[in-house]
């Protein structure tokens, strides 16, 4: 019985490095696959509150909610993000809310996106193909208001 215990300890010591290396490899693979399955963040600044992929009416959308420390910063980033998303693309169609200029839907040649600013939170919604602005607003408006 003593020999069996010593043998188990020897086997454990031999297998410990192999088990720890394989556990690290499995954890690294899970992290890489998880990061690869998510699209790149639309707004890299601020505190990410929500990030998800949603399918509505046969269309896929990527939705984020990002919080900022105050409304001045969120307003500044609202216009920066709008410019950055449109940069290098031809704007096919756009629709701004003229009440407070904090709600915009823009269709580019590759995709359509909407930005909505609610005081300190910006909620961008992006499609994966170009959709006419009126149709995008009809389908994606519930996602923006959630």
N, C-alpha and C. Protein backbone atom coordinates (compact mmCIF):
# COMPACT_ATOMS: atom_id res chain seq x y z
N UNK A 1 0.82 -1.18 0.00
CA UNK A 1 0.00 0.00 0.00
C UNK A 1 0.87 1.26 0.00
N UNK A 2 2.00 1.23 0.69
CA UNK A 2 2.91 2.36 0.71
C UNK A 2 3.51 2.57 -0.68
N UNK A 3 3.86 1.50 -1.37
CA UNK A 3 4.44 1.59 -2.71
C UNK A 3 3.43 2.22 -3.67
N UNK A 4 2.16 1.90 -3.51
CA UNK A 4 1.14 2.46 -4.38
C UNK A 4 1.02 3.97 -4.18
N UNK A 5 1.09 4.44 -2.96
CA UNK A 5 1.03 5.87 -2.66
C UNK A 5 2.21 6.61 -3.24
N UNK A 6 3.40 6.03 -3.12
CA UNK A 6 4.61 6.65 -3.67
C UNK A 6 4.53 6.69 -5.19
N UNK A 7 4.02 5.60 -5.78
CA UNK A 7 3.87 5.56 -7.23
C UNK A 7 2.89 6.64 -7.71
N UNK A 8 1.80 6.83 -6.97
CA UNK A 8 0.83 7.86 -7.33
C UNK A 8 1.44 9.26 -7.25
N UNK A 9 2.25 9.49 -6.23
CA UNK A 9 2.91 10.80 -6.09
C UNK A 9 3.87 11.03 -7.26
N UNK A 10 4.61 10.01 -7.66
CA UNK A 10 5.54 10.13 -8.79
C UNK A 10 4.78 10.41 -10.09
N UNK A 11 3.70 9.70 -10.29
CA UNK A 11 2.90 9.91 -11.50
C UNK A 11 2.32 11.32 -11.50
N UNK A 12 1.83 11.78 -10.36
CA UNK A 12 1.27 13.12 -10.23
C UNK A 12 2.31 14.18 -10.57
N UNK A 13 3.54 13.99 -10.05
CA UNK A 13 4.60 14.96 -10.32
C UNK A 13 5.01 14.96 -11.79
N UNK A 14 4.93 13.82 -12.44
CA UNK A 14 5.24 13.76 -13.86
C UNK A 14 4.15 14.41 -14.72
N UNK A 15 2.90 14.22 -14.32
CA UNK A 15 1.78 14.72 -15.13
C UNK A 15 1.44 16.19 -14.84
N UNK A 16 1.84 16.72 -13.71
CA UNK A 16 1.49 18.09 -13.33
C UNK A 16 1.92 19.12 -14.37
N UNK A 17 3.16 19.12 -14.86
CA UNK A 17 3.52 20.12 -15.88
C UNK A 17 2.72 19.96 -17.17
N UNK A 18 2.44 18.73 -17.57
CA UNK A 18 1.69 18.47 -18.79
C UNK A 18 0.25 18.97 -18.63
N UNK A 19 -0.35 18.71 -17.47
CA UNK A 19 -1.72 19.15 -17.23
C UNK A 19 -1.81 20.67 -17.17
N UNK A 20 -0.85 21.32 -16.53
CA UNK A 20 -0.91 22.77 -16.43
C UNK A 20 -0.69 23.43 -17.79
N UNK A 21 0.20 22.88 -18.63
CA UNK A 21 0.43 23.43 -19.96
C UNK A 21 -0.82 23.25 -20.83
N UNK A 22 -1.45 22.11 -20.75
CA UNK A 22 -2.66 21.89 -21.56
C UNK A 22 -3.82 22.76 -21.05
N UNK A 23 -3.90 22.98 -19.75
CA UNK A 23 -4.94 23.85 -19.21
C UNK A 23 -4.73 25.28 -19.69
N UNK A 24 -3.50 25.74 -19.72
CA UNK A 24 -3.20 27.09 -20.22
C UNK A 24 -3.53 27.19 -21.70
N UNK A 25 -3.19 26.16 -22.47
CA UNK A 25 -3.48 26.16 -23.91
C UNK A 25 -4.98 26.20 -24.17
N UNK A 26 -5.75 25.45 -23.39
CA UNK A 26 -7.21 25.44 -23.55
C UNK A 26 -7.79 26.80 -23.20
N UNK A 27 -7.32 27.40 -22.12
CA UNK A 27 -7.81 28.72 -21.71
C UNK A 27 -7.48 29.77 -22.77
N UNK A 28 -6.27 29.72 -23.32
CA UNK A 28 -5.87 30.68 -24.36
C UNK A 28 -6.72 30.50 -25.61
N UNK A 29 -7.01 29.27 -25.99
CA UNK A 29 -7.84 29.01 -27.16
C UNK A 29 -9.26 29.55 -26.97
N UNK A 30 -9.81 29.38 -25.78
CA UNK A 30 -11.15 29.89 -25.49
C UNK A 30 -11.18 31.41 -25.58
N UNK A 31 -10.17 32.06 -25.02
CA UNK A 31 -10.11 33.52 -25.06
C UNK A 31 -9.98 34.03 -26.50
N UNK A 32 -9.12 33.40 -27.29
CA UNK A 32 -8.94 33.83 -28.67
C UNK A 32 -10.19 33.63 -29.50
N UNK A 33 -10.86 32.50 -29.33
CA UNK A 33 -12.08 32.24 -30.09
C UNK A 33 -13.19 33.21 -29.69
N UNK A 34 -13.28 33.53 -28.42
CA UNK A 34 -14.30 34.46 -27.95
C UNK A 34 -14.07 35.86 -28.51
N UNK A 35 -12.82 36.30 -28.50
CA UNK A 35 -12.51 37.63 -29.05
C UNK A 35 -12.73 37.67 -30.55
N UNK A 36 -12.43 36.61 -31.24
CA UNK A 36 -12.55 36.56 -32.70
C UNK A 36 -14.01 36.56 -33.14
N UNK A 37 -14.92 36.02 -32.33
CA UNK A 37 -16.32 35.93 -32.72
C UNK A 37 -17.05 37.26 -32.59
N UNK A 38 -16.52 38.21 -31.82
CA UNK A 38 -17.15 39.52 -31.66
C UNK A 38 -16.63 40.50 -32.69
N UNK A 39 -17.50 41.33 -33.23
CA UNK A 39 -17.00 42.38 -34.12
C UNK A 39 -16.19 43.41 -33.33
N UNK A 40 -15.40 44.18 -34.04
CA UNK A 40 -14.63 45.23 -33.39
C UNK A 40 -15.60 46.28 -32.83
N UNK A 41 -15.27 46.83 -31.67
CA UNK A 41 -16.11 47.85 -31.06
C UNK A 41 -16.26 49.06 -31.97
N UNK A 42 -17.44 49.62 -31.99
CA UNK A 42 -17.69 50.82 -32.78
C UNK A 42 -17.10 52.03 -32.06
N UNK A 43 -17.35 52.11 -30.75
CA UNK A 43 -16.83 53.21 -29.94
C UNK A 43 -15.81 52.62 -28.97
N UNK A 44 -14.55 52.93 -29.19
CA UNK A 44 -13.48 52.37 -28.36
C UNK A 44 -13.30 53.12 -27.05
N UNK A 45 -13.76 54.35 -26.99
CA UNK A 45 -13.63 55.15 -25.79
C UNK A 45 -14.85 54.93 -24.90
N UNK A 46 -14.79 55.38 -23.65
CA UNK A 46 -15.92 55.27 -22.75
C UNK A 46 -16.03 53.90 -22.13
N UNK A 47 -17.05 53.73 -21.29
CA UNK A 47 -17.29 52.46 -20.60
C UNK A 47 -18.36 51.66 -21.36
N UNK A 48 -17.97 50.49 -21.83
CA UNK A 48 -18.88 49.63 -22.59
C UNK A 48 -19.92 49.04 -21.64
N UNK A 49 -21.19 49.35 -21.86
CA UNK A 49 -22.27 48.83 -21.04
C UNK A 49 -22.90 47.57 -21.64
N UNK A 50 -22.94 47.53 -22.99
CA UNK A 50 -23.57 46.39 -23.67
C UNK A 50 -22.95 46.24 -25.04
N UNK A 51 -22.80 45.00 -25.46
CA UNK A 51 -22.28 44.69 -26.79
C UNK A 51 -22.89 43.35 -27.20
N UNK A 52 -23.70 43.36 -28.26
CA UNK A 52 -24.34 42.11 -28.66
C UNK A 52 -24.70 42.10 -30.14
N UNK A 53 -24.83 40.90 -30.67
CA UNK A 53 -25.29 40.67 -32.03
C UNK A 53 -26.76 40.26 -31.94
N UNK A 54 -27.60 40.89 -32.75
CA UNK A 54 -29.03 40.60 -32.71
C UNK A 54 -29.54 40.42 -34.14
N UNK A 55 -30.44 39.46 -34.31
CA UNK A 55 -31.07 39.22 -35.60
C UNK A 55 -32.54 39.65 -35.51
N UNK A 56 -32.93 40.55 -36.41
CA UNK A 56 -34.32 41.00 -36.49
C UNK A 56 -34.75 41.03 -37.95
N UNK A 57 -35.91 40.49 -38.24
CA UNK A 57 -36.45 40.48 -39.61
C UNK A 57 -35.44 39.98 -40.63
N UNK A 58 -34.66 38.98 -40.27
CA UNK A 58 -33.69 38.39 -41.19
C UNK A 58 -32.42 39.20 -41.38
N UNK A 59 -32.25 40.28 -40.63
CA UNK A 59 -31.05 41.12 -40.70
C UNK A 59 -30.25 40.97 -39.42
N UNK A 60 -28.92 40.99 -39.55
CA UNK A 60 -28.03 40.94 -38.38
C UNK A 60 -27.58 42.35 -38.04
N UNK A 61 -27.60 42.65 -36.74
CA UNK A 61 -27.18 43.95 -36.24
C UNK A 61 -26.20 43.77 -35.10
N UNK A 62 -25.26 44.69 -35.02
CA UNK A 62 -24.34 44.75 -33.88
C UNK A 62 -24.73 45.99 -33.08
N UNK A 63 -25.00 45.80 -31.79
CA UNK A 63 -25.49 46.87 -30.93
C UNK A 63 -24.52 47.08 -29.78
N UNK A 64 -24.23 48.34 -29.48
CA UNK A 64 -23.40 48.71 -28.33
C UNK A 64 -24.12 49.78 -27.53
N UNK A 65 -23.78 49.87 -26.27
CA UNK A 65 -24.14 51.02 -25.44
C UNK A 65 -22.89 51.40 -24.69
N UNK A 66 -22.49 52.66 -24.81
CA UNK A 66 -21.26 53.15 -24.21
C UNK A 66 -21.57 54.38 -23.37
N UNK A 67 -21.10 54.39 -22.13
CA UNK A 67 -21.34 55.51 -21.22
C UNK A 67 -20.09 56.38 -21.11
N UNK A 68 -20.33 57.67 -20.93
CA UNK A 68 -19.25 58.64 -20.74
C UNK A 68 -19.49 59.37 -19.42
N UNK A 69 -18.46 60.09 -18.95
CA UNK A 69 -18.55 60.70 -17.62
C UNK A 69 -19.55 61.86 -17.55
N UNK A 70 -19.76 62.57 -18.65
CA UNK A 70 -20.78 63.62 -18.66
C UNK A 70 -21.26 63.86 -20.09
N UNK A 71 -22.26 64.72 -20.22
CA UNK A 71 -22.88 64.91 -21.54
C UNK A 71 -21.96 65.63 -22.52
N UNK A 72 -21.03 66.47 -22.02
CA UNK A 72 -20.11 67.15 -22.92
C UNK A 72 -19.23 66.14 -23.67
N UNK A 73 -18.71 65.18 -22.92
CA UNK A 73 -17.82 64.16 -23.51
C UNK A 73 -18.61 63.28 -24.47
N UNK A 74 -19.83 62.91 -24.09
CA UNK A 74 -20.62 62.05 -24.97
C UNK A 74 -20.99 62.78 -26.26
N UNK A 75 -21.29 64.07 -26.18
CA UNK A 75 -21.61 64.84 -27.38
C UNK A 75 -20.39 64.93 -28.30
N UNK A 76 -19.23 65.16 -27.72
CA UNK A 76 -17.98 65.22 -28.49
C UNK A 76 -17.74 63.90 -29.23
N UNK A 77 -17.88 62.77 -28.51
CA UNK A 77 -17.64 61.46 -29.12
C UNK A 77 -18.73 61.10 -30.13
N UNK A 78 -19.94 61.60 -29.93
CA UNK A 78 -21.02 61.34 -30.89
C UNK A 78 -20.60 61.82 -32.28
N UNK A 79 -20.09 63.03 -32.37
CA UNK A 79 -19.69 63.57 -33.67
C UNK A 79 -18.40 62.93 -34.18
N UNK A 80 -17.47 62.60 -33.29
CA UNK A 80 -16.24 61.92 -33.71
C UNK A 80 -16.54 60.56 -34.32
N UNK A 81 -17.41 59.79 -33.65
CA UNK A 81 -17.75 58.45 -34.14
C UNK A 81 -18.49 58.54 -35.47
N UNK A 82 -19.40 59.49 -35.59
CA UNK A 82 -20.12 59.67 -36.85
C UNK A 82 -19.15 59.96 -37.99
N UNK A 83 -18.19 60.83 -37.75
CA UNK A 83 -17.18 61.14 -38.78
C UNK A 83 -16.29 59.94 -39.07
N UNK A 84 -15.86 59.22 -38.02
CA UNK A 84 -14.95 58.09 -38.20
C UNK A 84 -15.62 56.95 -38.98
N UNK A 85 -16.89 56.67 -38.71
CA UNK A 85 -17.59 55.60 -39.42
C UNK A 85 -17.82 55.94 -40.89
N UNK A 86 -17.99 57.22 -41.19
CA UNK A 86 -18.25 57.64 -42.57
C UNK A 86 -16.97 57.89 -43.35
N UNK A 87 -15.85 58.02 -42.67
CA UNK A 87 -14.59 58.35 -43.32
C UNK A 87 -14.19 57.30 -44.35
N UNK A 88 -13.87 57.75 -45.54
CA UNK A 88 -13.42 56.83 -46.60
C UNK A 88 -14.55 56.12 -47.31
N UNK A 89 -15.79 56.42 -46.97
CA UNK A 89 -16.95 55.80 -47.61
C UNK A 89 -17.79 56.88 -48.28
N UNK A 90 -18.51 56.49 -49.28
CA UNK A 90 -19.48 57.41 -49.88
C UNK A 90 -20.78 57.30 -49.11
N UNK A 91 -21.28 58.43 -48.66
CA UNK A 91 -22.57 58.44 -47.97
C UNK A 91 -23.66 58.39 -49.03
N UNK A 92 -24.46 57.34 -48.99
CA UNK A 92 -25.52 57.14 -49.97
C UNK A 92 -26.77 57.88 -49.54
N UNK A 93 -27.07 57.81 -48.23
CA UNK A 93 -28.30 58.40 -47.71
C UNK A 93 -28.10 58.67 -46.23
N UNK A 94 -28.67 59.75 -45.71
CA UNK A 94 -28.57 60.02 -44.28
C UNK A 94 -29.81 60.73 -43.77
N UNK A 95 -30.06 60.56 -42.47
CA UNK A 95 -31.22 61.19 -41.85
C UNK A 95 -30.80 61.64 -40.45
N UNK A 96 -30.89 62.94 -40.19
CA UNK A 96 -30.56 63.50 -38.88
C UNK A 96 -31.84 63.92 -38.18
N UNK A 97 -31.84 63.83 -36.86
CA UNK A 97 -32.92 64.40 -36.07
C UNK A 97 -32.57 65.87 -35.87
N UNK A 98 -33.43 66.76 -36.33
CA UNK A 98 -33.13 68.18 -36.24
C UNK A 98 -33.60 68.80 -34.93
N UNK A 99 -34.15 68.00 -34.02
CA UNK A 99 -34.57 68.53 -32.72
C UNK A 99 -33.34 68.86 -31.87
N UNK A 100 -32.43 67.89 -31.76
CA UNK A 100 -31.24 68.11 -30.93
C UNK A 100 -29.95 67.60 -31.59
N UNK A 101 -30.04 67.14 -32.83
CA UNK A 101 -28.89 66.64 -33.59
C UNK A 101 -28.17 65.49 -32.88
N UNK A 102 -28.89 64.68 -32.13
CA UNK A 102 -28.27 63.57 -31.41
C UNK A 102 -28.85 62.22 -31.84
N UNK A 103 -29.38 62.18 -33.04
CA UNK A 103 -29.91 60.94 -33.57
C UNK A 103 -29.66 60.97 -35.08
N UNK A 104 -28.87 60.04 -35.57
CA UNK A 104 -28.53 60.03 -37.00
C UNK A 104 -28.54 58.59 -37.51
N UNK A 105 -29.01 58.43 -38.74
CA UNK A 105 -28.93 57.15 -39.44
C UNK A 105 -28.26 57.43 -40.78
N UNK A 106 -27.18 56.69 -41.06
CA UNK A 106 -26.42 56.91 -42.29
C UNK A 106 -26.23 55.59 -43.03
N UNK A 107 -26.55 55.61 -44.32
CA UNK A 107 -26.32 54.44 -45.16
C UNK A 107 -25.08 54.71 -46.01
N UNK A 108 -24.12 53.80 -45.90
CA UNK A 108 -22.90 53.86 -46.70
C UNK A 108 -23.00 52.77 -47.76
N UNK A 109 -22.00 52.68 -48.61
CA UNK A 109 -22.05 51.65 -49.65
C UNK A 109 -21.87 50.24 -49.09
N UNK A 110 -21.26 50.09 -47.88
CA UNK A 110 -21.00 48.76 -47.30
C UNK A 110 -21.99 48.36 -46.22
N UNK A 111 -22.49 49.30 -45.47
CA UNK A 111 -23.37 49.02 -44.34
C UNK A 111 -24.16 50.27 -43.98
N UNK A 112 -25.11 50.09 -43.05
CA UNK A 112 -25.89 51.21 -42.53
C UNK A 112 -25.71 51.23 -41.02
N UNK A 113 -25.64 52.41 -40.45
CA UNK A 113 -25.52 52.51 -39.00
C UNK A 113 -26.37 53.65 -38.47
N UNK A 114 -26.72 53.53 -37.20
CA UNK A 114 -27.45 54.59 -36.51
C UNK A 114 -26.72 54.89 -35.22
N UNK A 115 -26.68 56.16 -34.87
CA UNK A 115 -26.13 56.60 -33.59
C UNK A 115 -27.22 57.36 -32.86
N UNK A 116 -27.38 57.04 -31.59
CA UNK A 116 -28.35 57.73 -30.76
C UNK A 116 -27.66 58.12 -29.47
N UNK A 117 -27.74 59.40 -29.12
CA UNK A 117 -27.13 59.86 -27.87
C UNK A 117 -28.23 60.23 -26.89
N UNK A 118 -28.15 59.63 -25.70
CA UNK A 118 -29.09 59.92 -24.63
C UNK A 118 -28.28 60.43 -23.45
N UNK A 119 -28.14 61.70 -23.31
CA UNK A 119 -27.37 62.41 -22.29
C UNK A 119 -25.93 61.92 -22.26
N UNK A 120 -25.61 60.94 -21.40
CA UNK A 120 -24.22 60.47 -21.27
C UNK A 120 -23.96 59.13 -21.94
N UNK A 121 -24.95 58.58 -22.63
CA UNK A 121 -24.83 57.26 -23.26
C UNK A 121 -25.01 57.38 -24.77
N UNK A 122 -24.13 56.73 -25.51
CA UNK A 122 -24.27 56.65 -26.96
C UNK A 122 -24.57 55.20 -27.33
N UNK A 123 -25.59 55.02 -28.17
CA UNK A 123 -26.00 53.67 -28.57
C UNK A 123 -25.89 53.54 -30.09
N UNK A 124 -24.75 53.00 -30.58
CA UNK A 124 -24.64 52.75 -32.02
C UNK A 124 -25.22 51.38 -32.40
N UNK A 125 -25.86 51.33 -33.56
CA UNK A 125 -26.38 50.08 -34.12
C UNK A 125 -25.86 50.02 -35.55
N UNK A 126 -25.27 48.87 -35.91
CA UNK A 126 -24.66 48.72 -37.24
C UNK A 126 -25.19 47.47 -37.91
N UNK A 127 -25.55 47.60 -39.19
CA UNK A 127 -25.97 46.43 -39.98
C UNK A 127 -24.74 45.87 -40.69
N UNK A 128 -24.89 44.70 -41.26
CA UNK A 128 -23.77 44.08 -41.98
C UNK A 128 -23.93 44.14 -43.49
N UNK A 129 -24.95 44.85 -43.92
CA UNK A 129 -25.13 45.12 -45.34
C UNK A 129 -25.87 46.45 -45.44
N UNK A 130 -25.79 47.12 -46.58
CA UNK A 130 -26.49 48.40 -46.72
C UNK A 130 -28.01 48.19 -46.76
N UNK A 131 -28.69 48.94 -45.93
CA UNK A 131 -30.16 48.87 -45.86
C UNK A 131 -30.66 50.31 -46.02
N UNK A 132 -31.72 50.55 -46.80
CA UNK A 132 -32.26 51.91 -46.89
C UNK A 132 -32.59 52.47 -45.50
N UNK A 133 -32.38 53.76 -45.32
CA UNK A 133 -32.51 54.41 -44.02
C UNK A 133 -33.89 54.21 -43.40
N UNK A 134 -34.94 54.38 -44.19
CA UNK A 134 -36.31 54.21 -43.65
C UNK A 134 -36.54 52.78 -43.15
N UNK A 135 -36.09 51.81 -43.92
CA UNK A 135 -36.24 50.41 -43.51
C UNK A 135 -35.38 50.11 -42.28
N UNK A 136 -34.15 50.64 -42.25
CA UNK A 136 -33.26 50.46 -41.11
C UNK A 136 -33.91 51.02 -39.84
N UNK A 137 -34.46 52.22 -39.94
CA UNK A 137 -35.11 52.83 -38.77
C UNK A 137 -36.31 52.01 -38.31
N UNK A 138 -37.07 51.49 -39.27
CA UNK A 138 -38.24 50.68 -38.91
C UNK A 138 -37.82 49.41 -38.16
N UNK A 139 -36.76 48.75 -38.66
CA UNK A 139 -36.33 47.48 -38.06
C UNK A 139 -35.52 47.72 -36.78
N UNK A 140 -34.57 48.65 -36.82
CA UNK A 140 -33.60 48.79 -35.73
C UNK A 140 -34.02 49.75 -34.62
N UNK A 141 -35.08 50.53 -34.79
CA UNK A 141 -35.49 51.50 -33.77
C UNK A 141 -35.69 50.83 -32.40
N UNK A 142 -36.32 49.65 -32.32
CA UNK A 142 -36.44 49.00 -30.99
C UNK A 142 -35.10 48.69 -30.35
N UNK A 143 -34.06 48.39 -31.18
CA UNK A 143 -32.75 48.09 -30.63
C UNK A 143 -32.11 49.34 -30.02
N UNK A 144 -32.34 50.47 -30.64
CA UNK A 144 -31.76 51.73 -30.16
C UNK A 144 -32.42 52.15 -28.86
N UNK A 145 -33.71 51.94 -28.75
CA UNK A 145 -34.45 52.41 -27.58
C UNK A 145 -34.39 51.46 -26.38
N UNK A 146 -33.77 50.30 -26.53
CA UNK A 146 -33.70 49.33 -25.42
C UNK A 146 -32.80 49.81 -24.33
